N, C-alpha and C. Protein backbone atom coordinates (compact mmCIF):
# COMPACT_ATOMS: atom_id res chain seq x y z
N MET A 1 96.64 13.39 -63.57
CA MET A 1 96.08 13.38 -62.23
C MET A 1 95.27 14.66 -62.03
N PRO A 2 94.02 14.53 -61.56
CA PRO A 2 93.19 15.73 -61.38
C PRO A 2 93.66 16.58 -60.21
N LYS A 3 93.36 17.85 -60.29
CA LYS A 3 93.69 18.77 -59.20
C LYS A 3 92.57 18.71 -58.17
N TYR A 4 92.94 18.68 -56.89
CA TYR A 4 91.96 18.62 -55.81
C TYR A 4 91.95 19.92 -55.03
N TYR A 5 90.76 20.26 -54.52
CA TYR A 5 90.57 21.47 -53.73
C TYR A 5 89.96 21.10 -52.39
N THR A 6 90.24 21.91 -51.36
CA THR A 6 89.58 21.72 -50.07
C THR A 6 88.15 22.25 -50.17
N THR A 7 87.36 22.01 -49.16
CA THR A 7 85.98 22.49 -49.17
C THR A 7 85.94 24.02 -49.22
N ARG A 8 86.80 24.66 -48.48
CA ARG A 8 86.82 26.14 -48.48
C ARG A 8 87.24 26.68 -49.85
N GLN A 9 88.22 26.05 -50.48
CA GLN A 9 88.65 26.49 -51.81
C GLN A 9 87.53 26.25 -52.83
N ALA A 10 86.86 25.10 -52.73
CA ALA A 10 85.77 24.79 -53.65
C ALA A 10 84.62 25.78 -53.46
N ALA A 11 84.31 26.11 -52.21
CA ALA A 11 83.23 27.07 -51.94
C ALA A 11 83.54 28.42 -52.56
N GLU A 12 84.80 28.83 -52.49
CA GLU A 12 85.19 30.11 -53.09
C GLU A 12 85.00 30.06 -54.61
N LYS A 13 85.35 28.94 -55.24
CA LYS A 13 85.19 28.81 -56.69
C LYS A 13 83.71 28.76 -57.08
N VAL A 14 82.87 28.13 -56.24
CA VAL A 14 81.43 28.03 -56.54
C VAL A 14 80.75 29.37 -56.28
N GLY A 15 81.26 30.11 -55.29
CA GLY A 15 80.64 31.39 -54.94
C GLY A 15 79.63 31.26 -53.83
N VAL A 16 79.82 30.26 -52.95
CA VAL A 16 78.93 30.05 -51.80
C VAL A 16 79.80 29.92 -50.55
N HIS A 17 79.14 29.97 -49.38
CA HIS A 17 79.84 29.76 -48.12
C HIS A 17 80.19 28.28 -47.99
N PHE A 18 81.27 27.96 -47.30
CA PHE A 18 81.67 26.56 -47.19
C PHE A 18 80.63 25.72 -46.46
N LEU A 19 79.85 26.33 -45.58
CA LEU A 19 78.79 25.59 -44.89
C LEU A 19 77.68 25.18 -45.87
N THR A 20 77.50 25.94 -46.93
CA THR A 20 76.53 25.56 -47.96
C THR A 20 76.96 24.26 -48.62
N LEU A 21 78.26 24.12 -48.89
CA LEU A 21 78.75 22.86 -49.47
C LEU A 21 78.58 21.72 -48.48
N HIS A 22 78.78 21.99 -47.19
CA HIS A 22 78.54 20.95 -46.18
C HIS A 22 77.07 20.53 -46.19
N ARG A 23 76.18 21.49 -46.40
CA ARG A 23 74.75 21.17 -46.47
C ARG A 23 74.46 20.30 -47.69
N TYR A 24 75.09 20.61 -48.82
CA TYR A 24 74.93 19.77 -50.01
C TYR A 24 75.40 18.35 -49.73
N LEU A 25 76.51 18.21 -48.99
CA LEU A 25 77.02 16.89 -48.62
C LEU A 25 76.02 16.14 -47.75
N GLN A 26 75.49 16.82 -46.73
CA GLN A 26 74.53 16.20 -45.82
C GLN A 26 73.25 15.78 -46.55
N ASP A 27 72.83 16.58 -47.52
CA ASP A 27 71.62 16.28 -48.27
C ASP A 27 71.84 15.23 -49.35
N GLY A 28 73.11 14.85 -49.59
CA GLY A 28 73.42 13.86 -50.60
C GLY A 28 73.34 14.39 -52.02
N LYS A 29 73.38 15.71 -52.18
CA LYS A 29 73.28 16.30 -53.52
C LYS A 29 74.58 16.16 -54.30
N ILE A 30 75.68 15.99 -53.59
CA ILE A 30 76.99 15.88 -54.23
C ILE A 30 77.88 14.99 -53.38
N LYS A 31 78.79 14.29 -54.02
CA LYS A 31 79.64 13.34 -53.29
C LYS A 31 81.08 13.41 -53.82
N PRO A 32 81.88 14.37 -53.32
CA PRO A 32 83.28 14.42 -53.73
C PRO A 32 84.07 13.29 -53.07
N LYS A 33 85.30 13.13 -53.47
CA LYS A 33 86.16 12.10 -52.88
C LYS A 33 86.41 12.44 -51.42
N SER A 34 86.40 11.43 -50.57
CA SER A 34 86.66 11.67 -49.16
C SER A 34 87.77 10.76 -48.65
N ILE A 35 88.53 11.27 -47.70
CA ILE A 35 89.57 10.50 -47.04
C ILE A 35 89.21 10.46 -45.56
N PRO A 36 89.02 9.25 -45.00
CA PRO A 36 88.69 9.18 -43.58
C PRO A 36 89.88 9.62 -42.72
N LEU A 37 89.56 10.40 -41.71
CA LEU A 37 90.58 10.88 -40.78
C LEU A 37 90.42 10.16 -39.44
N PRO A 38 91.44 10.18 -38.60
CA PRO A 38 91.31 9.55 -37.28
C PRO A 38 90.19 10.20 -36.48
N LYS A 39 89.61 9.44 -35.56
CA LYS A 39 88.53 9.97 -34.74
C LYS A 39 89.03 11.11 -33.88
N GLY A 40 88.16 12.10 -33.69
CA GLY A 40 88.51 13.26 -32.88
C GLY A 40 88.38 12.98 -31.40
N LYS A 41 88.54 14.00 -30.60
CA LYS A 41 88.46 13.87 -29.14
C LYS A 41 87.08 13.41 -28.69
N ASN A 42 86.05 13.76 -29.47
CA ASN A 42 84.69 13.38 -29.10
C ASN A 42 84.33 11.98 -29.58
N GLY A 43 85.25 11.28 -30.24
CA GLY A 43 85.02 9.92 -30.68
C GLY A 43 84.30 9.79 -32.01
N LYS A 44 84.00 10.93 -32.65
CA LYS A 44 83.31 10.88 -33.94
C LYS A 44 84.32 10.82 -35.07
N SER A 45 84.00 10.05 -36.10
CA SER A 45 84.89 9.98 -37.26
C SER A 45 84.69 11.21 -38.13
N LYS A 46 85.73 11.57 -38.84
CA LYS A 46 85.70 12.74 -39.72
C LYS A 46 86.22 12.35 -41.08
N ASN A 47 85.87 13.15 -42.09
CA ASN A 47 86.36 12.94 -43.45
C ASN A 47 86.98 14.23 -43.96
N LEU A 48 87.99 14.08 -44.77
CA LEU A 48 88.56 15.20 -45.52
C LEU A 48 87.98 15.10 -46.92
N TRP A 49 87.22 16.10 -47.33
CA TRP A 49 86.59 16.08 -48.65
C TRP A 49 87.51 16.74 -49.65
N LEU A 50 87.76 16.06 -50.76
CA LEU A 50 88.60 16.58 -51.84
C LEU A 50 87.73 16.81 -53.07
N TRP A 51 87.68 18.04 -53.53
CA TRP A 51 86.81 18.45 -54.62
C TRP A 51 87.59 18.56 -55.92
N THR A 52 87.07 17.98 -56.99
CA THR A 52 87.66 18.12 -58.32
C THR A 52 86.92 19.22 -59.08
N ASP A 53 87.42 19.56 -60.25
CA ASP A 53 86.74 20.57 -61.08
C ASP A 53 85.34 20.10 -61.47
N ALA A 54 85.16 18.79 -61.67
CA ALA A 54 83.84 18.25 -62.01
C ALA A 54 82.88 18.40 -60.83
N ASP A 55 83.36 18.17 -59.60
CA ASP A 55 82.52 18.35 -58.41
C ASP A 55 82.12 19.81 -58.26
N ILE A 56 83.05 20.71 -58.54
CA ILE A 56 82.77 22.14 -58.43
C ILE A 56 81.73 22.55 -59.48
N ALA A 57 81.84 22.02 -60.69
CA ALA A 57 80.86 22.33 -61.73
C ALA A 57 79.48 21.83 -61.33
N LYS A 58 79.41 20.65 -60.72
CA LYS A 58 78.11 20.13 -60.27
C LYS A 58 77.54 21.00 -59.15
N ALA A 59 78.39 21.44 -58.22
CA ALA A 59 77.94 22.31 -57.13
C ALA A 59 77.43 23.64 -57.68
N LYS A 60 78.07 24.16 -58.74
CA LYS A 60 77.60 25.40 -59.35
C LYS A 60 76.21 25.23 -59.94
N SER A 61 75.94 24.04 -60.48
CA SER A 61 74.61 23.80 -61.06
C SER A 61 73.54 23.68 -59.98
N LEU A 62 73.94 23.36 -58.74
CA LEU A 62 72.99 23.24 -57.63
C LEU A 62 72.75 24.58 -56.96
N LYS A 63 73.58 25.56 -57.25
CA LYS A 63 73.52 26.85 -56.58
C LYS A 63 72.15 27.49 -56.77
N LEU A 64 71.54 27.86 -55.67
CA LEU A 64 70.21 28.48 -55.69
C LEU A 64 70.35 30.00 -55.73
N PRO A 65 69.35 30.70 -56.25
CA PRO A 65 69.42 32.16 -56.24
C PRO A 65 69.42 32.68 -54.81
N LYS A 66 70.07 33.82 -54.60
CA LYS A 66 70.15 34.41 -53.26
C LYS A 66 68.84 35.08 -52.90
N GLY A 67 68.58 35.14 -51.61
CA GLY A 67 67.44 35.87 -51.11
C GLY A 67 66.16 35.05 -51.06
N ARG A 68 65.14 35.66 -50.55
CA ARG A 68 63.84 35.03 -50.40
C ARG A 68 63.09 35.12 -51.72
N PRO A 69 62.37 34.05 -52.11
CA PRO A 69 61.60 34.12 -53.35
C PRO A 69 60.49 35.16 -53.24
N ARG A 70 60.16 35.74 -54.36
CA ARG A 70 59.08 36.76 -54.36
C ARG A 70 57.72 36.10 -54.22
N LYS A 71 56.83 36.83 -53.58
CA LYS A 71 55.46 36.33 -53.45
C LYS A 71 54.74 36.50 -54.79
N GLU A 72 53.89 35.54 -55.08
CA GLU A 72 53.13 35.63 -56.32
C GLU A 72 52.05 36.70 -56.17
N ALA A 73 51.80 37.44 -57.25
CA ALA A 73 50.76 38.46 -57.26
C ALA A 73 49.39 37.80 -57.24
N LYS A 74 48.48 38.40 -56.50
CA LYS A 74 47.11 37.84 -56.41
C LYS A 74 46.21 38.45 -57.44
């Protein structure tokens, strides 16, 4: 049975903020296992994302360099 990590734990292993992983999810760049949770007070459905080591490896490959890109010399 594979080991599962929460989004915050996976973000720590990847070396990014957990909101960055949420952005990857929204952009469809990665799709870890999800468990639907009951609707919240606002009526919106939520998911619990469970990350495997393979998902974390894929997220590491998506990791972009930090900072603003350099301008090209003219």
